[in-house]
Amino acid sequence: MLLERLAKFLDGFAGCFSRRAQKDAARRYVKGLLSDAKRKNMEAMWGRITDAGDYQALQHFITHSTWSSDRVWESLREKPLDREGVLIVDDTGIPKSGRHSVGVQRQYSGTLGKVGNCQVVVSTVLRTKHSTWPLAMTLYLPQAWTEDEGRRDGAAIPAEVEFRKKWQIALEQIDRAQAAGFKIHCVATDAGYGDCGEFRDGLAERGLRYAVGVQSAVKVFDKPPRFLEPKQSGKGRPRTRATLAKNSPKPKTVRAIAKKLPADAWEKVTWRKGSKGNLEAEFVALHVTPSHRWHQGEQHPECWLLCERPLGSNEANKFYFSNLPANTPLKRLVDLAHTRWAVEQNYEQLKDELALDHFEGRSYPGFHHHLVLTALTFTFLALERRRSRAQQLPTLNELRRVVTEIVTIQLFAAGERTSRMVLDFIRDPPDF
């Protein structure tokens, strides 16, 4: 029975809650996320739960109760059936009209495609052959929020939470994924993170391979640079910075390098099937040396520069860095660079199906409580999807609708005949 499996799944998190009332509230909240409420704010969800209990108690559980969302994440990272794959780093914007919700301000959002009033959530997702598994989600707090004591107090931001850049949050999430025992074949992300040399260096220091987007204005050495070690004059402080030799190649933008590539260097590659046919473009991969902070004498190992242009175009419009081995085939580089599409689908499902962006509370703990319970519900559906006996796995959207039907039928079950129908439906759920 599906509802019995849901109950057993939730029992696996019992140790994350100190009291029976918290465990019951967690179960009610998850059932609310699975309900047919169109707008899944807390009041709407509460109205669609058969054993709703006290509304104020449910609200307190999310917004003020002291249970740790980090502890639930730790338990949640034990649930995925797959323990290895590509780790996707990304962030998503949650538009807001006011200015009091924690972390909200005018900032760039990929969801909006522009600067707008929103919250931004940094996340890591494990992409495997059959599934995507959310491993962490953290609210990005702009510096204005961490430095304003009035805002901190109003949003109940813990004292230990300080300002961190998005890439720093991402590296912390990656550390937690590694600590949980996941084998990460590669880290994939967009230029919002890939442009950052500190982020790429952080991945390399952790022994991780990466395939990350970069903007066209990023500069590299297209030929190995020559640095001169600092000469000591014997006076003053010893010099520590290497300098670029006068006869050394100078850094160039990746766009400028792509423009000079010969026509026969480009190769058509198909990376997957889309809803309208094969997704394909032309690519070139070459070795370059990143040049970030070269003025400070910093030197970096070579990496791949992958250039992409649409079929029939002479202008490259997408660029990627990768530290995969020098003998990596072009098709492999392309596949990994384009793995990131899975997280966009992931966000769409979390928002459209499970109300990731419907939370209306204003506190920092409440927002993170909502995030982890949304991810928990998503993981349950992913596990159910893998249980399907059908040759072709159902989509998460299809599965969520079946679960919603069960929850909704249970809500309206009033007579003996209807009750028998519900039990029959649950005991023998339809195959996909």
Protein backbone atom coordinates (compact mmCIF):
# COMPACT_ATOMS: atom_id res chain seq x y z
CA MET A 1 0.00 0.00 0.00
CA LEU A 2 1.33 3.36 -1.03
CA LEU A 3 0.25 5.21 2.10
CA GLU A 4 1.85 2.51 4.25
CA ARG A 5 5.10 2.97 2.33
CA LEU A 6 4.84 6.72 2.89
CA ALA A 7 4.36 6.15 6.62
CA LYS A 8 7.35 3.80 6.73
CA PHE A 9 9.47 6.29 4.79
CA LEU A 10 8.58 9.08 7.22
CA ASP A 11 9.32 6.80 10.18
CA GLY A 12 12.91 6.77 8.94
CA PHE A 13 13.17 10.43 10.01
CA ALA A 14 11.70 9.95 13.49
CA GLY A 15 15.09 10.51 15.11
CA CYS A 16 15.19 14.05 13.65
CA PHE A 17 12.25 15.14 15.81
CA SER A 18 12.31 15.26 19.59
CA ARG A 19 8.59 14.95 20.30
CA ARG A 20 5.64 12.98 18.98
CA ALA A 21 3.88 16.23 18.11
CA GLN A 22 6.75 17.17 15.76
CA LYS A 23 6.65 13.76 14.06
CA ASP A 24 2.89 14.07 13.52
CA ALA A 25 3.26 17.60 12.17
CA ALA A 26 5.98 16.48 9.73
CA ARG A 27 3.68 13.75 8.43
CA ARG A 28 0.80 16.22 8.01
CA TYR A 29 2.98 18.73 6.19
CA VAL A 30 4.22 16.12 3.70
CA LYS A 31 0.65 14.97 3.06
CA GLY A 32 -0.25 18.61 2.51
CA LEU A 33 2.50 18.91 -0.12
CA LEU A 34 1.01 15.84 -1.81
CA SER A 35 -2.54 17.21 -1.68
CA ASP A 36 -4.54 18.73 -4.52
CA ALA A 37 -4.41 22.27 -3.10
CA LYS A 38 -3.62 24.62 -6.01
CA ARG A 39 -1.83 27.17 -3.87
CA LYS A 40 0.07 25.22 -1.24
CA ASN A 41 0.57 27.79 1.42
CA MET A 42 0.20 26.39 4.91
CA GLU A 43 -3.46 27.27 5.37
CA ALA A 44 -4.49 25.75 2.03
CA MET A 45 -2.57 22.54 2.71
CA TRP A 46 -4.02 22.27 6.21
CA GLY A 47 -7.51 22.39 4.71
CA ARG A 48 -6.73 19.36 2.50
CA ILE A 49 -5.42 17.01 5.22
CA THR A 50 -7.75 14.37 6.65
CA ASP A 51 -6.18 14.44 10.13
CA ALA A 52 -5.23 18.11 10.03
CA GLY A 53 -4.99 18.66 13.78
CA ASP A 54 -4.56 22.21 15.05
CA TYR A 55 -3.56 24.78 12.42
CA GLN A 56 -1.57 26.88 14.87
CA ALA A 57 0.42 23.80 15.91
CA LEU A 58 1.28 23.03 12.27
CA GLN A 59 2.32 26.62 11.68
CA HIS A 60 4.46 26.63 14.82
CA PHE A 61 6.14 23.38 13.70
CA ILE A 62 7.36 25.07 10.51
CA THR A 63 8.06 28.62 11.57
CA HIS A 64 9.22 28.44 15.19
CA SER A 65 9.93 24.87 16.27
CA THR A 66 13.60 24.15 17.00
CA TRP A 67 14.05 20.89 15.06
CA SER A 68 17.13 20.93 12.83
CA SER A 69 16.71 21.00 9.06
CA ASP A 70 20.41 20.02 8.77
CA ARG A 71 19.72 16.82 10.67
CA VAL A 72 16.85 15.95 8.32
CA TRP A 73 19.15 16.61 5.34
CA GLU A 74 21.70 14.21 6.84
CA SER A 75 19.05 11.49 7.04
CA LEU A 76 17.74 12.37 3.60
CA ARG A 77 21.18 11.90 2.03
CA GLU A 78 21.03 8.28 3.20
CA LYS A 79 17.89 7.55 1.14
CA PRO A 80 18.92 7.71 -2.56
CA LEU A 81 19.20 4.28 -4.19
CA ASP A 82 22.03 5.57 -6.39
CA ARG A 83 25.26 6.55 -4.65
CA GLU A 84 27.27 7.86 -7.60
CA GLY A 85 26.74 10.19 -10.52
CA VAL A 86 27.18 13.79 -11.67
CA LEU A 87 26.69 16.45 -9.01
CA ILE A 88 24.89 19.51 -10.38
CA VAL A 89 25.30 22.85 -8.62
CA ASP A 90 22.76 25.57 -9.34
CA ASP A 91 20.52 28.17 -7.76
CA THR A 92 16.92 29.16 -8.32
CA GLY A 93 15.05 32.39 -7.68
CA ILE A 94 11.75 32.65 -5.81
CA PRO A 95 10.03 35.93 -6.77
CA LYS A 96 8.59 37.96 -3.88
CA SER A 97 6.54 41.14 -3.89
CA GLY A 98 7.49 42.37 -0.41
CA ARG A 99 10.77 43.01 1.35
CA HIS A 100 10.31 41.25 4.69
CA SER A 101 10.74 37.58 3.70
CA VAL A 102 14.19 36.42 4.78
CA GLY A 103 16.90 36.97 2.16
CA VAL A 104 14.71 38.87 -0.27
CA GLN A 105 16.11 41.80 -2.22
CA ARG A 106 16.58 42.94 -5.81
CA GLN A 107 19.10 40.49 -7.22
CA TYR A 108 19.70 38.46 -10.35
CA SER A 109 17.49 35.41 -10.76
CA GLY A 110 17.84 32.83 -13.51
CA THR A 111 14.16 32.08 -12.99
CA LEU A 112 13.26 35.66 -13.88
CA GLY A 113 16.10 36.01 -16.39
CA LYS A 114 16.85 39.43 -14.94
CA VAL A 115 17.32 41.37 -11.71
CA GLY A 116 14.16 41.26 -9.63
CA ASN A 117 12.82 41.13 -6.09
CA CYS A 118 13.39 37.54 -5.00
CA GLN A 119 14.98 34.99 -2.72
CA VAL A 120 17.75 32.77 -4.11
CA VAL A 121 18.29 29.14 -3.10
CA VAL A 122 21.61 27.36 -3.77
CA SER A 123 21.28 23.62 -4.26
CA THR A 124 23.17 20.47 -5.19
CA VAL A 125 21.49 17.59 -7.01
CA LEU A 126 22.91 14.15 -7.80
CA ARG A 127 22.13 13.15 -11.39
CA THR A 128 22.19 9.41 -12.07
CA LYS A 129 21.07 7.23 -14.95
CA HIS A 130 17.45 7.00 -13.79
CA SER A 131 16.89 9.71 -11.19
CA THR A 132 17.82 13.04 -9.69
CA TRP A 133 18.27 13.25 -5.94
CA PRO A 134 18.32 16.61 -4.09
CA LEU A 135 21.20 16.56 -1.59
CA ALA A 136 21.14 20.10 -0.19
CA MET A 137 19.31 23.43 -0.47
CA THR A 138 20.43 26.60 1.30
CA LEU A 139 19.05 30.13 1.20
CA TYR A 140 21.60 32.67 -0.03
CA LEU A 141 21.63 35.64 2.33
CA PRO A 142 22.77 38.92 0.72
CA GLN A 143 25.27 40.88 2.79
CA ALA A 144 22.66 43.53 3.63
CA TRP A 145 20.74 40.84 5.53
CA THR A 146 23.70 39.53 7.51
CA GLU A 147 24.88 43.00 8.57
CA ASP A 148 21.52 44.42 9.70
CA GLU A 149 20.78 43.34 13.27
CA GLY A 150 17.15 44.41 12.98
CA ARG A 151 16.64 42.21 9.94
CA ARG A 152 18.50 39.33 11.56
CA ASP A 153 16.33 39.48 14.67
CA GLY A 154 13.11 39.87 12.68
CA ALA A 155 13.88 36.81 10.55
CA ALA A 156 15.36 34.75 13.44
CA ILE A 157 18.66 34.31 11.59
CA PRO A 158 20.96 32.22 13.83
CA ALA A 159 24.01 34.01 15.22
CA GLU A 160 26.41 31.56 13.55
CA VAL A 161 25.08 32.31 10.05
CA GLU A 162 27.40 34.76 8.30
CA PHE A 163 27.59 36.16 4.80
CA ARG A 164 28.85 33.63 2.27
CA LYS A 165 29.09 33.90 -1.47
CA LYS A 166 27.07 31.41 -3.48
CA TRP A 167 30.15 29.46 -4.56
CA GLN A 168 31.20 29.13 -0.91
CA ILE A 169 27.77 27.72 -0.03
CA ALA A 170 28.09 25.31 -2.96
CA LEU A 171 31.50 24.03 -1.81
CA GLU A 172 30.11 23.42 1.68
CA GLN A 173 27.23 21.41 0.17
CA ILE A 174 29.72 19.41 -1.91
CA ASP A 175 31.72 18.63 1.24
CA ARG A 176 28.56 17.26 2.84
CA ALA A 177 27.83 15.10 -0.21
CA GLN A 178 31.33 13.65 -0.09
CA ALA A 179 31.07 13.10 3.66
CA ALA A 180 27.82 11.18 3.07
CA GLY A 181 29.73 8.73 0.84
CA PHE A 182 28.54 9.77 -2.62
CA LYS A 183 30.95 9.08 -5.47
CA ILE A 184 31.00 12.19 -7.64
CA HIS A 185 32.10 11.52 -11.21
CA CYS A 186 31.95 15.18 -12.19
CA VAL A 187 30.56 18.53 -10.98
CA ALA A 188 28.48 20.46 -13.51
CA THR A 189 27.24 24.01 -13.20
CA ASP A 190 26.62 27.21 -15.15
CA ALA A 191 28.77 30.31 -15.58
CA GLY A 192 27.44 31.81 -12.36
CA TYR A 193 29.79 29.41 -10.58
CA GLY A 194 32.15 28.38 -13.40
CA ASP A 195 33.45 31.94 -13.87
CA CYS A 196 34.79 31.88 -10.32
CA GLY A 197 38.40 30.71 -10.21
CA GLU A 198 38.17 30.11 -6.45
CA PHE A 199 35.27 27.74 -7.01
CA ARG A 200 37.11 25.77 -9.71
CA ASP A 201 40.23 25.65 -7.55
CA GLY A 202 38.11 24.43 -4.64
CA LEU A 203 36.78 21.55 -6.75
CA ALA A 204 40.29 20.59 -7.89
CA GLU A 205 41.57 20.70 -4.29
CA ARG A 206 38.84 18.22 -3.37
CA GLY A 207 40.01 15.89 -6.14
CA LEU A 208 36.88 16.48 -8.22
CA ARG A 209 36.46 16.66 -11.98
CA TYR A 210 34.26 19.41 -13.34
CA ALA A 211 32.53 20.66 -16.51
CA VAL A 212 31.38 24.21 -15.86
CA GLY A 213 30.00 27.01 -18.00
CA VAL A 214 31.98 30.25 -18.39
CA GLN A 215 31.12 33.57 -19.99
CA SER A 216 32.55 34.65 -23.31
CA ALA A 217 34.65 37.42 -21.71
CA VAL A 218 36.65 35.02 -19.51
CA LYS A 219 40.33 35.14 -20.43
CA VAL A 220 42.79 32.26 -20.90
CA PHE A 221 46.22 31.61 -22.37
CA ASP A 222 45.74 29.71 -25.63
CA LYS A 223 49.42 28.72 -25.50
CA PRO A 224 51.41 27.85 -22.36
CA PRO A 225 52.41 31.07 -20.56
CA ARG A 226 55.95 31.73 -19.36
CA PHE A 227 56.36 33.16 -15.88
CA LEU A 228 59.56 34.49 -14.32
CA GLU A 229 60.23 33.70 -10.71
CA PRO A 230 60.72 36.85 -8.58
CA LYS A 231 64.26 38.18 -8.36
CA GLN A 232 65.50 39.18 -4.95
CA SER A 233 67.26 42.55 -4.74
CA GLY A 234 68.63 42.04 -1.26
CA LYS A 235 66.78 45.10 0.00
CA GLY A 236 63.33 45.35 1.54
CA ARG A 237 60.80 42.54 1.68
CA PRO A 238 61.45 39.44 -0.44
CA ARG A 239 59.42 39.38 -3.64
CA THR A 240 56.92 36.54 -3.80
CA ARG A 241 55.00 37.09 -7.03
CA ALA A 242 56.05 35.59 -10.33
CA THR A 243 55.70 37.85 -13.34
CA LEU A 244 54.70 37.11 -16.90
CA ALA A 245 57.69 37.14 -19.27
CA LYS A 246 57.69 39.81 -21.95
CA ASN A 247 57.83 37.21 -24.72
CA SER A 248 55.06 35.12 -23.18
CA PRO A 249 51.62 34.74 -24.81
CA LYS A 250 49.08 37.15 -23.35
CA PRO A 251 45.60 36.21 -22.11
CA LYS A 252 42.73 36.30 -24.63
CA THR A 253 38.98 36.02 -24.22
CA VAL A 254 37.50 32.65 -25.03
CA ARG A 255 35.25 34.36 -27.58
CA ALA A 256 38.29 35.75 -29.41
CA ILE A 257 39.92 32.31 -29.46
CA ALA A 258 36.76 30.69 -30.83
CA LYS A 259 36.52 33.26 -33.65
CA LYS A 260 39.93 32.25 -34.99
CA LEU A 261 39.26 28.52 -35.07
CA PRO A 262 39.21 27.07 -38.62
CA ALA A 263 35.92 25.84 -40.03
CA ASP A 264 37.08 22.21 -40.17
CA ALA A 265 37.85 22.24 -36.42
CA TRP A 266 34.15 22.17 -35.55
CA GLU A 267 32.31 18.87 -35.14
CA LYS A 268 28.59 18.19 -34.87
CA VAL A 269 27.61 16.39 -31.66
CA THR A 270 24.20 15.18 -30.46
CA TRP A 271 23.92 14.95 -26.68
CA ARG A 272 20.31 13.84 -26.09
CA LYS A 273 16.80 13.69 -27.48
CA GLY A 274 14.52 16.59 -26.68
CA SER A 275 10.76 16.97 -27.02
CA LYS A 276 11.26 18.33 -30.56
CA GLY A 277 14.00 15.98 -31.73
CA ASN A 278 17.72 15.59 -31.23
CA LEU A 279 19.60 18.31 -29.39
CA GLU A 280 22.78 18.98 -31.32
CA ALA A 281 25.29 21.70 -32.10
CA GLU A 282 28.88 22.12 -33.29
CA PHE A 283 31.76 21.91 -30.83
CA VAL A 284 35.52 22.36 -30.54
CA ALA A 285 37.59 21.29 -27.55
CA LEU A 286 41.14 22.55 -26.99
CA HIS A 287 43.59 22.88 -24.15
CA VAL A 288 44.08 26.29 -22.56
CA THR A 289 45.53 27.70 -19.35
CA PRO A 290 43.15 29.71 -17.12
CA SER A 291 44.52 33.18 -16.43
CA HIS A 292 42.56 34.36 -13.38
CA ARG A 293 44.73 36.50 -11.10
CA TRP A 294 47.73 36.19 -13.41
CA HIS A 295 48.69 39.76 -12.46
CA GLN A 296 49.28 38.43 -8.94
CA GLY A 297 51.60 35.79 -10.36
CA GLU A 298 49.16 32.90 -9.95
CA GLN A 299 49.71 29.97 -12.27
CA HIS A 300 47.17 27.27 -13.07
CA PRO A 301 47.22 23.87 -14.76
CA GLU A 302 45.83 23.42 -18.25
CA CYS A 303 42.20 22.51 -18.74
CA TRP A 304 39.75 21.93 -21.56
CA LEU A 305 38.00 24.84 -23.22
CA LEU A 306 34.84 23.58 -24.92
CA CYS A 307 33.30 25.97 -27.44
CA GLU A 308 29.75 25.54 -28.76
CA ARG A 309 27.87 27.15 -31.62
CA PRO A 310 24.42 26.47 -33.13
CA LEU A 311 24.23 24.49 -36.36
CA GLY A 312 24.58 26.83 -39.33
CA SER A 313 26.16 29.60 -37.26
CA ASN A 314 29.70 30.95 -37.42
CA GLU A 315 29.56 32.43 -33.91
CA ALA A 316 30.23 30.45 -30.72
CA ASN A 317 27.70 31.32 -28.04
CA LYS A 318 28.51 28.93 -25.17
CA PHE A 319 31.78 28.07 -23.47
CA TYR A 320 32.84 25.57 -20.80
CA PHE A 321 35.93 24.70 -18.74
CA SER A 322 36.70 21.13 -17.74
CA ASN A 323 39.60 19.47 -15.92
CA LEU A 324 38.78 16.01 -17.26
CA PRO A 325 41.80 14.00 -18.49
CA ALA A 326 43.55 15.11 -21.68
CA ASN A 327 42.37 12.00 -23.56
CA THR A 328 38.66 12.59 -22.84
CA PRO A 329 36.56 12.18 -26.05
CA LEU A 330 34.66 15.22 -27.33
CA LYS A 331 31.30 13.46 -26.91
CA ARG A 332 32.02 12.84 -23.22
CA LEU A 333 32.88 16.50 -22.65
CA VAL A 334 29.69 17.60 -24.38
CA ASP A 335 27.51 15.15 -22.44
CA LEU A 336 28.87 16.32 -19.09
CA ALA A 337 28.69 20.01 -19.98
CA HIS A 338 25.01 19.55 -20.84
CA THR A 339 24.12 17.48 -17.76
CA ARG A 340 22.95 20.63 -16.03
CA TRP A 341 19.60 20.61 -17.87
CA ALA A 342 18.40 18.01 -15.34
CA VAL A 343 18.42 20.52 -12.49
CA GLU A 344 16.11 22.86 -14.41
CA GLN A 345 13.61 20.03 -14.69
CA ASN A 346 14.18 19.31 -11.01
CA TYR A 347 13.32 22.88 -10.00
CA GLU A 348 10.25 22.85 -12.23
CA GLN A 349 8.95 19.72 -10.51
CA LEU A 350 9.74 21.03 -7.04
CA LYS A 351 7.89 24.26 -7.78
CA ASP A 352 4.97 23.08 -9.91
CA GLU A 353 4.29 19.79 -8.15
CA LEU A 354 5.51 20.28 -4.59
CA ALA A 355 5.20 24.02 -3.91
CA LEU A 356 8.85 24.84 -3.31
CA ASP A 357 8.07 28.50 -4.08
CA HIS A 358 4.72 28.71 -2.24
CA PHE A 359 6.08 29.28 1.27
CA GLU A 360 4.80 32.54 2.75
CA GLY A 361 6.63 32.57 6.09
CA ARG A 362 9.35 35.12 6.78
CA SER A 363 11.78 33.39 9.15
CA TYR A 364 15.11 31.77 8.30
CA PRO A 365 14.39 28.50 10.19
CA GLY A 366 10.86 28.29 8.73
CA PHE A 367 12.11 28.70 5.18
CA HIS A 368 14.71 25.95 5.63
CA HIS A 369 12.15 23.68 7.30
CA HIS A 370 9.98 24.09 4.20
CA LEU A 371 12.90 23.44 1.85
CA VAL A 372 13.94 20.17 3.46
CA LEU A 373 10.39 18.81 3.75
CA THR A 374 9.84 19.63 0.08
CA ALA A 375 13.04 17.75 -0.82
CA LEU A 376 11.96 14.88 1.45
CA THR A 377 8.64 14.60 -0.39
CA PHE A 378 10.41 14.72 -3.75
CA THR A 379 12.73 11.90 -2.64
CA PHE A 380 9.79 9.74 -1.60
CA LEU A 381 8.26 10.18 -5.05
CA ALA A 382 11.60 9.37 -6.69
CA LEU A 383 11.79 6.16 -4.68
CA GLU A 384 8.22 5.25 -5.66
CA ARG A 385 9.05 5.95 -9.28
CA ARG A 386 11.88 3.43 -9.12
CA ARG A 387 9.48 0.84 -7.69
CA SER A 388 7.30 0.92 -10.80
CA ARG A 389 6.85 -2.40 -12.57
CA ALA A 390 6.46 -0.68 -15.93
CA GLN A 391 9.27 -0.91 -18.50
CA GLN A 392 9.22 2.85 -18.94
CA LEU A 393 9.42 4.67 -15.63
CA PRO A 394 6.61 7.14 -14.95
CA THR A 395 7.48 10.79 -14.73
CA LEU A 396 7.49 12.37 -11.30
CA ASN A 397 4.51 14.50 -12.36
CA GLU A 398 2.48 11.39 -13.24
CA LEU A 399 3.37 9.71 -9.98
CA ARG A 400 2.58 12.77 -7.90
CA ARG A 401 -0.87 12.96 -9.48
CA VAL A 402 -1.60 9.34 -8.51
CA VAL A 403 -0.52 10.01 -4.92
CA THR A 404 -2.65 13.16 -4.89
CA GLU A 405 -5.69 11.17 -6.04
CA ILE A 406 -5.20 8.78 -3.15
CA VAL A 407 -4.82 11.59 -0.62
CA THR A 408 -7.84 13.41 -2.07
CA ILE A 409 -10.06 10.31 -2.16
CA GLN A 410 -9.08 9.64 1.43
CA LEU A 411 -10.14 13.19 2.31
CA PHE A 412 -13.63 12.72 0.92
CA ALA A 413 -14.15 9.09 1.92
CA ALA A 414 -17.28 9.22 4.06
CA GLY A 415 -19.33 6.06 3.56
CA GLU A 416 -18.58 2.35 3.77
CA ARG A 417 -18.78 1.94 -0.02
CA THR A 418 -16.36 4.79 -0.65
CA SER A 419 -14.01 3.50 2.01
CA ARG A 420 -13.87 0.08 0.33
CA MET A 421 -13.10 1.80 -2.99
CA VAL A 422 -10.21 3.72 -1.40
CA LEU A 423 -8.75 0.58 0.15
CA ASP A 424 -8.98 -1.32 -3.15
CA PHE A 425 -7.33 1.57 -4.98
CA ILE A 426 -4.48 1.70 -2.47
CA ARG A 427 -3.92 -2.09 -2.32
CA ASP A 428 -3.73 -2.36 -6.12
CA PRO A 429 -2.42 0.94 -7.52
CA PRO A 430 -2.38 1.22 -11.30
CA ASP A 431 0.75 0.33 -13.29
CA PHE A 432 2.25 3.07 -15.42
